[in-house]
Amino acid sequence: MMTVTVSKHRAPIEVKSFAEASREVSRYISGNGFGASEWYAELPFTKKAKGAAIHENGVQTAFVSYNGRVWRGVEDFKMGHEEIAV
């Protein structure tokens, strides 16, 4: 099972693919009119959090950044993360 967490105020959303996770994040951001810093404040992670965590079978494997791009690894964005094409 794959889930994406778009906000600390909502339960993780079950998704079938990285592309669907990206769409859910974009839908949440645009639906609430969030700028990047407003959305990052919504995330349930540390101040270094720069994306919505994607978990596969309970283990974080990727994250979605504000621009909808999907990256392999944990959400504390730094140069060198591998982008996952969706």
PDB file of N, CA and C in Angstrom:
ATOM      1  N   MET A   1       0.841  -1.175   0.000  1.00  0.00           N
ATOM      2  CA  MET A   1       0.000   0.000   0.000  1.00  0.00           C
ATOM      3  C   MET A   1       0.889   1.241   0.000  1.00  0.00           C
ATOM      4  N   MET A   2       0.499   2.243  -0.779  1.00  0.00           N
ATOM      5  CA  MET A   2       1.227   3.501  -0.874  1.00  0.00           C
ATOM      6  C   MET A   2       0.317   4.617  -0.374  1.00  0.00           C
ATOM      7  N   THR A   3       0.888   5.529   0.443  1.00  0.00           N
ATOM      8  CA  THR A   3       0.136   6.684   0.930  1.00  0.00           C
ATOM      9  C   THR A   3       0.975   7.943   0.764  1.00  0.00           C
ATOM     10  N   VAL A   4       0.286   9.093   0.738  1.00  0.00           N
ATOM     11  CA  VAL A   4       0.962  10.393   0.723  1.00  0.00           C
ATOM     12  C   VAL A   4       0.326  11.245   1.821  1.00  0.00           C
ATOM     13  N   THR A   5       1.170  11.959   2.570  1.00  0.00           N
ATOM     14  CA  THR A   5       0.711  12.829   3.640  1.00  0.00           C
ATOM     15  C   THR A   5       0.807  14.269   3.164  1.00  0.00           C
ATOM     16  N   VAL A   6      -0.330  14.936   2.962  1.00  0.00           N
ATOM     17  CA  VAL A   6      -0.347  16.295   2.427  1.00  0.00           C
ATOM     18  C   VAL A   6      -0.431  17.364   3.501  1.00  0.00           C
ATOM     19  N   SER A   7      -0.797  16.974   4.741  1.00  0.00           N
ATOM     20  CA  SER A   7      -0.981  17.945   5.813  1.00  0.00           C
ATOM     21  C   SER A   7      -0.984  17.240   7.162  1.00  0.00           C
ATOM     22  N   LYS A   8      -0.560  17.978   8.194  1.00  0.00           N
ATOM     23  CA  LYS A   8      -0.636  17.425   9.547  1.00  0.00           C
ATOM     24  C   LYS A   8      -2.078  17.381  10.047  1.00  0.00           C
ATOM     25  N   HIS A   9      -3.001  17.989   9.295  1.00  0.00           N
ATOM     26  CA  HIS A   9      -4.405  18.033   9.684  1.00  0.00           C
ATOM     27  C   HIS A   9      -5.263  16.982   8.984  1.00  0.00           C
ATOM     28  N   ARG A  10      -4.654  16.198   8.117  1.00  0.00           N
ATOM     29  CA  ARG A  10      -5.397  15.169   7.369  1.00  0.00           C
ATOM     30  C   ARG A  10      -4.691  13.827   7.485  1.00  0.00           C
ATOM     31  N   ALA A  11      -5.470  12.774   7.451  1.00  0.00           N
ATOM     32  CA  ALA A  11      -4.905  11.421   7.440  1.00  0.00           C
ATOM     33  C   ALA A  11      -4.192  11.206   6.104  1.00  0.00           C
ATOM     34  N   PRO A  12      -3.196  10.324   6.084  1.00  0.00           N
ATOM     35  CA  PRO A  12      -2.539  10.001   4.807  1.00  0.00           C
ATOM     36  C   PRO A  12      -3.569   9.517   3.785  1.00  0.00           C
ATOM     37  N   ILE A  13      -3.309   9.848   2.528  1.00  0.00           N
ATOM     38  CA  ILE A  13      -4.207   9.491   1.436  1.00  0.00           C
ATOM     39  C   ILE A  13      -3.632   8.282   0.710  1.00  0.00           C
ATOM     40  N   GLU A  14      -4.439   7.256   0.529  1.00  0.00           N
ATOM     41  CA  GLU A  14      -3.982   6.083  -0.210  1.00  0.00           C
ATOM     42  C   GLU A  14      -3.932   6.419  -1.698  1.00  0.00           C
ATOM     43  N   VAL A  15      -2.805   6.079  -2.328  1.00  0.00           N
ATOM     44  CA  VAL A  15      -2.618   6.323  -3.763  1.00  0.00           C
ATOM     45  C   VAL A  15      -2.077   5.058  -4.414  1.00  0.00           C
ATOM     46  N   LYS A  16      -2.200   4.993  -5.735  1.00  0.00           N
ATOM     47  CA  LYS A  16      -1.755   3.802  -6.462  1.00  0.00           C
ATOM     48  C   LYS A  16      -0.407   3.993  -7.145  1.00  0.00           C
ATOM     49  N   SER A  17       0.056   5.257  -7.240  1.00  0.00           N
ATOM     50  CA  SER A  17       1.301   5.518  -7.961  1.00  0.00           C
ATOM     51  C   SER A  17       1.912   6.836  -7.496  1.00  0.00           C
ATOM     52  N   PHE A  18       3.166   7.058  -7.891  1.00  0.00           N
ATOM     53  CA  PHE A  18       3.816   8.329  -7.612  1.00  0.00           C
ATOM     54  C   PHE A  18       3.091   9.459  -8.327  1.00  0.00           C
ATOM     55  N   ALA A  19       2.612   9.215  -9.540  1.00  0.00           N
ATOM     56  CA  ALA A  19       1.879  10.233 -10.297  1.00  0.00           C
ATOM     57  C   ALA A  19       0.607  10.642  -9.555  1.00  0.00           C
ATOM     58  N   GLU A  20      -0.100   9.682  -9.005  1.00  0.00           N
ATOM     59  CA  GLU A  20      -1.315   9.998  -8.255  1.00  0.00           C
ATOM     60  C   GLU A  20      -0.969  10.772  -6.985  1.00  0.00           C
ATOM     61  N   ALA A  21       0.130  10.428  -6.327  1.00  0.00           N
ATOM     62  CA  ALA A  21       0.571  11.159  -5.137  1.00  0.00           C
ATOM     63  C   ALA A  21       0.847  12.613  -5.502  1.00  0.00           C
ATOM     64  N   SER A  22       1.520  12.829  -6.615  1.00  0.00           N
ATOM     65  CA  SER A  22       1.803  14.182  -7.083  1.00  0.00           C
ATOM     66  C   SER A  22       0.514  14.957  -7.333  1.00  0.00           C
ATOM     67  N   ARG A  23      -0.445  14.326  -7.969  1.00  0.00           N
ATOM     68  CA  ARG A  23      -1.729  14.985  -8.240  1.00  0.00           C
ATOM     69  C   ARG A  23      -2.461  15.349  -6.947  1.00  0.00           C
ATOM     70  N   GLU A  24      -2.430  14.452  -5.969  1.00  0.00           N
ATOM     71  CA  GLU A  24      -3.101  14.721  -4.687  1.00  0.00           C
ATOM     72  C   GLU A  24      -2.464  15.919  -3.988  1.00  0.00           C
ATOM     73  N   VAL A  25      -1.142  15.986  -4.006  1.00  0.00           N
ATOM     74  CA  VAL A  25      -0.441  17.111  -3.393  1.00  0.00           C
ATOM     75  C   VAL A  25      -0.813  18.407  -4.110  1.00  0.00           C
ATOM     76  N   SER A  26      -0.746  18.405  -5.425  1.00  0.00           N
ATOM     77  CA  SER A  26      -1.080  19.607  -6.202  1.00  0.00           C
ATOM     78  C   SER A  26      -2.525  20.030  -5.967  1.00  0.00           C
ATOM     79  N   ARG A  27      -3.422  19.070  -5.896  1.00  0.00           N
ATOM     80  CA  ARG A  27      -4.844  19.356  -5.641  1.00  0.00           C
ATOM     81  C   ARG A  27      -5.016  20.004  -4.262  1.00  0.00           C
ATOM     82  N   TYR A  28      -4.324  19.468  -3.266  1.00  0.00           N
ATOM     83  CA  TYR A  28      -4.433  20.015  -1.909  1.00  0.00           C
ATOM     84  C   TYR A  28      -3.887  21.443  -1.854  1.00  0.00           C
ATOM     85  N   ILE A  29      -2.728  21.666  -2.465  1.00  0.00           N
ATOM     86  CA  ILE A  29      -2.113  22.993  -2.446  1.00  0.00           C
ATOM     87  C   ILE A  29      -2.999  24.005  -3.161  1.00  0.00           C
ATOM     88  N   SER A  30      -3.415  23.695  -4.373  1.00  0.00           N
ATOM     89  CA  SER A  30      -4.216  24.655  -5.138  1.00  0.00           C
ATOM     90  C   SER A  30      -5.607  24.841  -4.530  1.00  0.00           C
ATOM     91  N   GLY A  31      -6.175  23.770  -4.003  1.00  0.00           N
ATOM     92  CA  GLY A  31      -7.498  23.860  -3.394  1.00  0.00           C
ATOM     93  C   GLY A  31      -7.540  24.744  -2.163  1.00  0.00           C
ATOM     94  N   ASN A  32      -6.387  24.893  -1.508  1.00  0.00           N
ATOM     95  CA  ASN A  32      -6.307  25.738  -0.317  1.00  0.00           C
ATOM     96  C   ASN A  32      -5.612  27.070  -0.585  1.00  0.00           C
ATOM     97  N   GLY A  33      -5.150  27.261  -1.821  1.00  0.00           N
ATOM     98  CA  GLY A  33      -4.501  28.512  -2.179  1.00  0.00           C
ATOM     99  C   GLY A  33      -3.186  28.754  -1.457  1.00  0.00           C
ATOM    100  N   PHE A  34      -2.466  27.685  -1.139  1.00  0.00           N
ATOM    101  CA  PHE A  34      -1.221  27.810  -0.387  1.00  0.00           C
ATOM    102  C   PHE A  34      -0.055  28.238  -1.262  1.00  0.00           C
ATOM    103  N   GLY A  35       0.756  29.139  -0.745  1.00  0.00           N
ATOM    104  CA  GLY A  35       2.085  29.379  -1.287  1.00  0.00           C
ATOM    105  C   GLY A  35       2.999  28.322  -0.693  1.00  0.00           C
ATOM    106  N   ALA A  36       4.227  28.279  -1.143  1.00  0.00           N
ATOM    107  CA  ALA A  36       5.150  27.236  -0.676  1.00  0.00           C
ATOM    108  C   ALA A  36       5.345  27.277   0.840  1.00  0.00           C
ATOM    109  N   SER A  37       5.634  28.444   1.405  1.00  0.00           N
ATOM    110  CA  SER A  37       5.903  28.499   2.849  1.00  0.00           C
ATOM    111  C   SER A  37       4.662  28.172   3.665  1.00  0.00           C
ATOM    112  N   GLU A  38       3.487  28.547   3.169  1.00  0.00           N
ATOM    113  CA  GLU A  38       2.248  28.200   3.879  1.00  0.00           C
ATOM    114  C   GLU A  38       2.040  26.687   3.882  1.00  0.00           C
ATOM    115  N   TRP A  39       2.292  26.051   2.737  1.00  0.00           N
ATOM    116  CA  TRP A  39       2.102  24.609   2.666  1.00  0.00           C
ATOM    117  C   TRP A  39       3.124  23.877   3.526  1.00  0.00           C
ATOM    118  N   TYR A  40       4.383  24.320   3.477  1.00  0.00           N
ATOM    119  CA  TYR A  40       5.409  23.662   4.292  1.00  0.00           C
ATOM    120  C   TYR A  40       5.048  23.723   5.777  1.00  0.00           C
ATOM    121  N   ALA A  41       4.402  24.815   6.201  1.00  0.00           N
ATOM    122  CA  ALA A  41       3.962  24.932   7.595  1.00  0.00           C
ATOM    123  C   ALA A  41       2.867  23.924   7.921  1.00  0.00           C
ATOM    124  N   GLU A  42       2.160  23.429   6.914  1.00  0.00           N
ATOM    125  CA  GLU A  42       1.097  22.442   7.089  1.00  0.00           C
ATOM    126  C   GLU A  42       1.632  21.023   7.277  1.00  0.00           C
ATOM    127  N   LEU A  43       2.888  20.797   6.915  1.00  0.00           N
ATOM    128  CA  LEU A  43       3.440  19.440   6.943  1.00  0.00           C
ATOM    129  C   LEU A  43       3.792  19.021   8.361  1.00  0.00           C
ATOM    130  N   PRO A  44       3.622  17.740   8.671  1.00  0.00           N
ATOM    131  CA  PRO A  44       3.841  17.260  10.037  1.00  0.00           C
ATOM    132  C   PRO A  44       5.280  16.840  10.326  1.00  0.00           C
ATOM    133  N   PHE A  45       6.245  17.500   9.690  1.00  0.00           N
ATOM    134  CA  PHE A  45       7.632  17.081   9.835  1.00  0.00           C
ATOM    135  C   PHE A  45       8.464  18.204  10.436  1.00  0.00           C
ATOM    136  N   THR A  46       9.761  18.074  10.393  1.00  0.00           N
ATOM    137  CA  THR A  46      10.660  19.064  10.953  1.00  0.00           C
ATOM    138  C   THR A  46      10.684  20.331  10.102  1.00  0.00           C
ATOM    139  N   LYS A  47      11.384  21.357  10.581  1.00  0.00           N
ATOM    140  CA  LYS A  47      11.512  22.603   9.826  1.00  0.00           C
ATOM    141  C   LYS A  47      12.252  22.394   8.512  1.00  0.00           C
ATOM    142  N   LYS A  48      12.973  21.299   8.391  1.00  0.00           N
ATOM    143  CA  LYS A  48      13.681  20.994   7.156  1.00  0.00           C
ATOM    144  C   LYS A  48      12.764  20.337   6.122  1.00  0.00           C
ATOM    145  N   ALA A  49      11.548  20.021   6.510  1.00  0.00           N
ATOM    146  CA  ALA A  49      10.630  19.329   5.599  1.00  0.00           C
ATOM    147  C   ALA A  49      10.366  20.175   4.373  1.00  0.00           C
ATOM    148  N   LYS A  50      10.507  19.589   3.231  1.00  0.00           N
ATOM    149  CA  LYS A  50      10.263  20.293   1.974  1.00  0.00           C
ATOM    150  C   LYS A  50       9.372  19.478   1.056  1.00  0.00           C
ATOM    151  N   GLY A  51       8.540  18.635   1.620  1.00  0.00           N
ATOM    152  CA  GLY A  51       7.642  17.883   0.777  1.00  0.00           C
ATOM    153  C   GLY A  51       6.732  16.953   1.542  1.00  0.00           C
ATOM    154  N   ALA A  52       5.769  16.416   0.810  1.00  0.00           N
ATOM    155  CA  ALA A  52       4.792  15.480   1.352  1.00  0.00           C
ATOM    156  C   ALA A  52       5.365  14.071   1.285  1.00  0.00           C
ATOM    157  N   ALA A  53       5.416  13.407   2.416  1.00  0.00           N
ATOM    158  CA  ALA A  53       6.014  12.074   2.488  1.00  0.00           C
ATOM    159  C   ALA A  53       5.155  11.034   1.787  1.00  0.00           C
ATOM    160  N   ILE A  54       5.818  10.189   1.012  1.00  0.00           N
ATOM    161  CA  ILE A  54       5.184   9.026   0.392  1.00  0.00           C
ATOM    162  C   ILE A  54       5.707   7.800   1.123  1.00  0.00           C
ATOM    163  N   HIS A  55       4.778   7.008   1.639  1.00  0.00           N
ATOM    164  CA  HIS A  55       5.141   5.774   2.335  1.00  0.00           C
ATOM    165  C   HIS A  55       4.662   4.575   1.524  1.00  0.00           C
ATOM    166  N   GLU A  56       5.504   3.570   1.439  1.00  0.00           N
ATOM    167  CA  GLU A  56       5.124   2.297   0.830  1.00  0.00           C
ATOM    168  C   GLU A  56       5.244   1.241   1.916  1.00  0.00           C
ATOM    169  N   ASN A  57       4.115   0.619   2.226  1.00  0.00           N
ATOM    170  CA  ASN A  57       4.058  -0.385   3.288  1.00  0.00           C
ATOM    171  C   ASN A  57       4.653   0.135   4.589  1.00  0.00           C
ATOM    172  N   GLY A  58       4.335   1.394   4.924  1.00  0.00           N
ATOM    173  CA  GLY A  58       4.739   1.979   6.189  1.00  0.00           C
ATOM    174  C   GLY A  58       6.138   2.565   6.242  1.00  0.00           C
ATOM    175  N   VAL A  59       6.894   2.489   5.159  1.00  0.00           N
ATOM    176  CA  VAL A  59       8.263   3.002   5.120  1.00  0.00           C
ATOM    177  C   VAL A  59       8.327   4.144   4.115  1.00  0.00           C
ATOM    178  N   GLN A  60       8.880   5.295   4.548  1.00  0.00           N
ATOM    179  CA  GLN A  60       8.989   6.404   3.611  1.00  0.00           C
ATOM    180  C   GLN A  60      10.022   6.088   2.536  1.00  0.00           C
ATOM    181  N   THR A  61       9.599   6.218   1.284  1.00  0.00           N
ATOM    182  CA  THR A  61      10.484   5.937   0.152  1.00  0.00           C
ATOM    183  C   THR A  61      10.698   7.143  -0.742  1.00  0.00           C
ATOM    184  N   ALA A  62       9.825   8.157  -0.613  1.00  0.00           N
ATOM    185  CA  ALA A  62       9.899   9.305  -1.504  1.00  0.00           C
ATOM    186  C   ALA A  62       9.131  10.467  -0.895  1.00  0.00           C
ATOM    187  N   PHE A  63       9.200  11.620  -1.579  1.00  0.00           N
ATOM    188  CA  PHE A  63       8.400  12.766  -1.180  1.00  0.00           C
ATOM    189  C   PHE A  63       8.067  13.602  -2.401  1.00  0.00           C
ATOM    190  N   VAL A  64       7.008  14.395  -2.266  1.00  0.00           N
ATOM    191  CA  VAL A  64       6.565  15.282  -3.339  1.00  0.00           C
ATOM    192  C   VAL A  64       6.867  16.706  -2.906  1.00  0.00           C
ATOM    193  N   SER A  65       7.579  17.452  -3.741  1.00  0.00           N
ATOM    194  CA  SER A  65       7.879  18.847  -3.433  1.00  0.00           C
ATOM    195  C   SER A  65       6.725  19.745  -3.880  1.00  0.00           C
ATOM    196  N   TYR A  66       6.779  21.014  -3.489  1.00  0.00           N
ATOM    197  CA  TYR A  66       5.710  21.972  -3.771  1.00  0.00           C
ATOM    198  C   TYR A  66       5.355  22.032  -5.252  1.00  0.00           C
ATOM    199  N   ASN A  67       6.333  21.874  -6.119  1.00  0.00           N
ATOM    200  CA  ASN A  67       6.092  21.959  -7.558  1.00  0.00           C
ATOM    201  C   ASN A  67       5.540  20.662  -8.153  1.00  0.00           C
ATOM    202  N   GLY A  68       5.242  19.669  -7.306  1.00  0.00           N
ATOM    203  CA  GLY A  68       4.640  18.425  -7.769  1.00  0.00           C
ATOM    204  C   GLY A  68       5.635  17.365  -8.209  1.00  0.00           C
ATOM    205  N   ARG A  69       6.922  17.686  -8.152  1.00  0.00           N
ATOM    206  CA  ARG A  69       7.934  16.704  -8.544  1.00  0.00           C
ATOM    207  C   ARG A  69       8.126  15.690  -7.417  1.00  0.00           C
ATOM    208  N   VAL A  70       8.417  14.461  -7.793  1.00  0.00           N
ATOM    209  CA  VAL A  70       8.575  13.372  -6.829  1.00  0.00           C
ATOM    210  C   VAL A  70      10.057  13.024  -6.744  1.00  0.00           C
ATOM    211  N   TRP A  71      10.525  12.879  -5.502  1.00  0.00           N
ATOM    212  CA  TRP A  71      11.939  12.634  -5.231  1.00  0.00           C
ATOM    213  C   TRP A  71      12.097  11.384  -4.378  1.00  0.00           C
ATOM    214  N   ARG A  72      13.104  10.602  -4.657  1.00  0.00           N
ATOM    215  CA  ARG A  72      13.410   9.414  -3.870  1.00  0.00           C
ATOM    216  C   ARG A  72      14.066   9.838  -2.565  1.00  0.00           C
ATOM    217  N   GLY A  73      13.692   9.203  -1.461  1.00  0.00           N
ATOM    218  CA  GLY A  73      14.330   9.482  -0.170  1.00  0.00           C
ATOM    219  C   GLY A  73      13.393  10.134   0.819  1.00  0.00           C
ATOM    220  N   VAL A  74      13.985  10.739   1.851  1.00  0.00           N
ATOM    221  CA  VAL A  74      13.200  11.411   2.896  1.00  0.00           C
ATOM    222  C   VAL A  74      12.998  12.867   2.537  1.00  0.00           C
ATOM    223  N   GLU A  75      12.079  13.515   3.261  1.00  0.00           N
ATOM    224  CA  GLU A  75      11.601  14.829   2.851  1.00  0.00           C
ATOM    225  C   GLU A  75      12.527  16.004   3.154  1.00  0.00           C
ATOM    226  N   ASP A  76      13.635  15.822   3.848  1.00  0.00           N
ATOM    227  CA  ASP A  76      14.502  16.981   4.101  1.00  0.00           C
ATOM    228  C   ASP A  76      15.342  17.263   2.856  1.00  0.00           C
ATOM    229  N   PHE A  77      14.807  18.158   2.022  1.00  0.00           N
ATOM    230  CA  PHE A  77      15.349  18.404   0.691  1.00  0.00           C
ATOM    231  C   PHE A  77      16.784  18.897   0.757  1.00  0.00           C
ATOM    232  N   LYS A  78      17.600  18.321  -0.080  1.00  0.00           N
ATOM    233  CA  LYS A  78      18.968  18.776  -0.277  1.00  0.00           C
ATOM    234  C   LYS A  78      19.356  18.404  -1.693  1.00  0.00           C
ATOM    235  N   MET A  79      20.355  19.035  -2.198  1.00  0.00           N
ATOM    236  CA  MET A  79      20.809  18.733  -3.550  1.00  0.00           C
ATOM    237  C   MET A  79      21.214  17.263  -3.629  1.00  0.00           C
ATOM    238  N   GLY A  80      20.954  16.672  -4.765  1.00  0.00           N
ATOM    239  CA  GLY A  80      21.380  15.299  -4.976  1.00  0.00           C
ATOM    240  C   GLY A  80      20.281  14.264  -4.894  1.00  0.00           C
ATOM    241  N   HIS A  81      19.072  14.652  -4.485  1.00  0.00           N
ATOM    242  CA  HIS A  81      17.986  13.694  -4.488  1.00  0.00           C
ATOM    243  C   HIS A  81      17.673  13.288  -5.930  1.00  0.00           C
ATOM    244  N   GLU A  82      17.372  12.021  -6.110  1.00  0.00           N
ATOM    245  CA  GLU A  82      17.028  11.512  -7.423  1.00  0.00           C
ATOM    246  C   GLU A  82      15.547  11.756  -7.697  1.00  0.00           C
ATOM    247  N   GLU A  83      15.259  12.405  -8.826  1.00  0.00           N
ATOM    248  CA  GLU A  83      13.862  12.648  -9.185  1.00  0.00           C
ATOM    249  C   GLU A  83      13.259  11.366  -9.775  1.00  0.00           C
ATOM    250  N   ILE A  84      12.026  11.109  -9.398  1.00  0.00           N
ATOM    251  CA  ILE A  84      11.276   9.977  -9.945  1.00  0.00           C
ATOM    252  C   ILE A  84      10.336  10.538 -11.002  1.00  0.00           C
ATOM    253  N   ALA A  85      10.499  10.130 -12.232  1.00  0.00           N
ATOM    254  CA  ALA A  85       9.635  10.612 -13.302  1.00  0.00           C
ATOM    255  C   ALA A  85       8.235  10.071 -13.129  1.00  0.00           C
ATOM    256  N   VAL A  86       7.243  10.960 -13.234  1.00  0.00           N
ATOM    257  CA  VAL A  86       5.843  10.528 -13.099  1.00  0.00           C
ATOM    258  C   VAL A  86       5.073  10.783 -14.361  1.00  0.00           C
TER     259      VAL A  86
END
